[in-house]
Amino acid sequence: MPILSTNQKIILSIGMLISLLCSFAVTITFQNDISDGISMTLSSLLVVAIIAIFATIVLEVLESICNP
């Protein structure tokens, strides 16, 4: 598995946050059951991905502090 640099992870997490905001906007704007279901599912997956990316960033920072 390729290892992403910290800058790439930050750019990826910012992109996911923007996608999450768009998904929330679709959920609020459109009152359709299909679009609500798709955007809520996408929101859940994006939240899990964002938490995983931030966890890896924190672990890498801790590792760089503990192992100079």
C-alpha atoms as a PDB file:
ATOM      1  CA  MET A   1       0.000   0.000   0.000  1.00  0.00           C
ATOM      2  CA  PRO A   2       1.495   3.354  -0.974  1.00  0.00           C
ATOM      3  CA  ILE A   3       2.177   5.703   1.897  1.00  0.00           C
ATOM      4  CA  LEU A   4       0.831   9.221   1.444  1.00  0.00           C
ATOM      5  CA  SER A   5       2.820  12.198   2.645  1.00  0.00           C
ATOM      6  CA  THR A   6       1.313  14.478   5.269  1.00  0.00           C
ATOM      7  CA  ASN A   7       0.580  17.204   2.696  1.00  0.00           C
ATOM      8  CA  GLN A   8      -1.300  14.746   0.510  1.00  0.00           C
ATOM      9  CA  LYS A   9      -3.331  13.573   3.498  1.00  0.00           C
ATOM     10  CA  ILE A  10      -4.216  17.137   4.418  1.00  0.00           C
ATOM     11  CA  ILE A  11      -5.293  17.919   0.840  1.00  0.00           C
ATOM     12  CA  LEU A  12      -7.310  14.687   0.751  1.00  0.00           C
ATOM     13  CA  SER A  13      -8.997  15.475   4.075  1.00  0.00           C
ATOM     14  CA  ILE A  14      -9.867  19.007   2.927  1.00  0.00           C
ATOM     15  CA  GLY A  15     -11.409  17.545  -0.223  1.00  0.00           C
ATOM     16  CA  MET A  16     -13.406  15.105   1.871  1.00  0.00           C
ATOM     17  CA  LEU A  17     -14.602  17.899   4.159  1.00  0.00           C
ATOM     18  CA  ILE A  18     -15.793  19.864   1.120  1.00  0.00           C
ATOM     19  CA  SER A  19     -17.558  16.739  -0.172  1.00  0.00           C
ATOM     20  CA  LEU A  20     -19.152  16.275   3.237  1.00  0.00           C
ATOM     21  CA  LEU A  21     -20.465  19.845   3.206  1.00  0.00           C
ATOM     22  CA  CYS A  22     -21.870  19.301  -0.297  1.00  0.00           C
ATOM     23  CA  SER A  23     -23.530  16.103   0.870  1.00  0.00           C
ATOM     24  CA  PHE A  24     -25.115  17.920   3.804  1.00  0.00           C
ATOM     25  CA  ALA A  25     -26.346  20.640   1.442  1.00  0.00           C
ATOM     26  CA  VAL A  26     -27.937  18.052  -0.844  1.00  0.00           C
ATOM     27  CA  THR A  27     -29.611  16.389   2.134  1.00  0.00           C
ATOM     28  CA  ILE A  28     -31.058  19.688   3.347  1.00  0.00           C
ATOM     29  CA  THR A  29     -31.969  21.114  -0.065  1.00  0.00           C
ATOM     30  CA  PHE A  30     -33.627  18.183  -1.822  1.00  0.00           C
ATOM     31  CA  GLN A  31     -36.583  16.482  -0.165  1.00  0.00           C
ATOM     32  CA  ASN A  32     -36.329  13.299  -2.198  1.00  0.00           C
ATOM     33  CA  ASP A  33     -35.981   9.915  -0.482  1.00  0.00           C
ATOM     34  CA  ILE A  34     -33.448   8.592  -2.982  1.00  0.00           C
ATOM     35  CA  SER A  35     -31.157  11.639  -2.827  1.00  0.00           C
ATOM     36  CA  ASP A  36     -31.467  11.742   0.971  1.00  0.00           C
ATOM     37  CA  GLY A  37     -30.478   8.084   1.245  1.00  0.00           C
ATOM     38  CA  ILE A  38     -27.518   8.441  -1.096  1.00  0.00           C
ATOM     39  CA  SER A  39     -26.219  11.624   0.519  1.00  0.00           C
ATOM     40  CA  MET A  40     -26.598  10.245   4.058  1.00  0.00           C
ATOM     41  CA  THR A  41     -24.716   7.085   3.069  1.00  0.00           C
ATOM     42  CA  LEU A  42     -22.003   9.175   1.446  1.00  0.00           C
ATOM     43  CA  SER A  43     -21.834  11.385   4.541  1.00  0.00           C
ATOM     44  CA  SER A  44     -21.327   8.355   6.775  1.00  0.00           C
ATOM     45  CA  LEU A  45     -18.539   6.998   4.583  1.00  0.00           C
ATOM     46  CA  LEU A  46     -16.847  10.397   4.399  1.00  0.00           C
ATOM     47  CA  VAL A  47     -16.926  10.810   8.177  1.00  0.00           C
ATOM     48  CA  VAL A  48     -15.295   7.403   8.646  1.00  0.00           C
ATOM     49  CA  ALA A  49     -12.628   8.255   6.053  1.00  0.00           C
ATOM     50  CA  ILE A  50     -11.926  11.663   7.597  1.00  0.00           C
ATOM     51  CA  ILE A  51     -11.539  10.123  11.061  1.00  0.00           C
ATOM     52  CA  ALA A  52      -9.146   7.505   9.668  1.00  0.00           C
ATOM     53  CA  ILE A  53      -7.030  10.109   7.878  1.00  0.00           C
ATOM     54  CA  PHE A  54      -6.839  12.397  10.897  1.00  0.00           C
ATOM     55  CA  ALA A  55      -5.931   9.433  13.104  1.00  0.00           C
ATOM     56  CA  THR A  56      -3.038   8.505  10.816  1.00  0.00           C
ATOM     57  CA  ILE A  57      -1.850  12.129  10.750  1.00  0.00           C
ATOM     58  CA  VAL A  58      -1.890  12.274  14.555  1.00  0.00           C
ATOM     59  CA  LEU A  59      -0.060   8.957  14.825  1.00  0.00           C
ATOM     60  CA  GLU A  60       2.613  10.094  12.371  1.00  0.00           C
ATOM     61  CA  VAL A  61       3.111  13.344  14.287  1.00  0.00           C
ATOM     62  CA  LEU A  62       3.407  11.451  17.580  1.00  0.00           C
ATOM     63  CA  GLU A  63       5.849   9.023  16.011  1.00  0.00           C
ATOM     64  CA  SER A  64       7.992  11.857  14.666  1.00  0.00           C
ATOM     65  CA  ILE A  65       8.041  13.496  18.102  1.00  0.00           C
ATOM     66  CA  CYS A  66       8.901  10.298  19.973  1.00  0.00           C
ATOM     67  CA  ASN A  67      11.458   9.034  17.435  1.00  0.00           C
ATOM     68  CA  PRO A  68      13.637  11.973  16.394  1.00  0.00           C
END
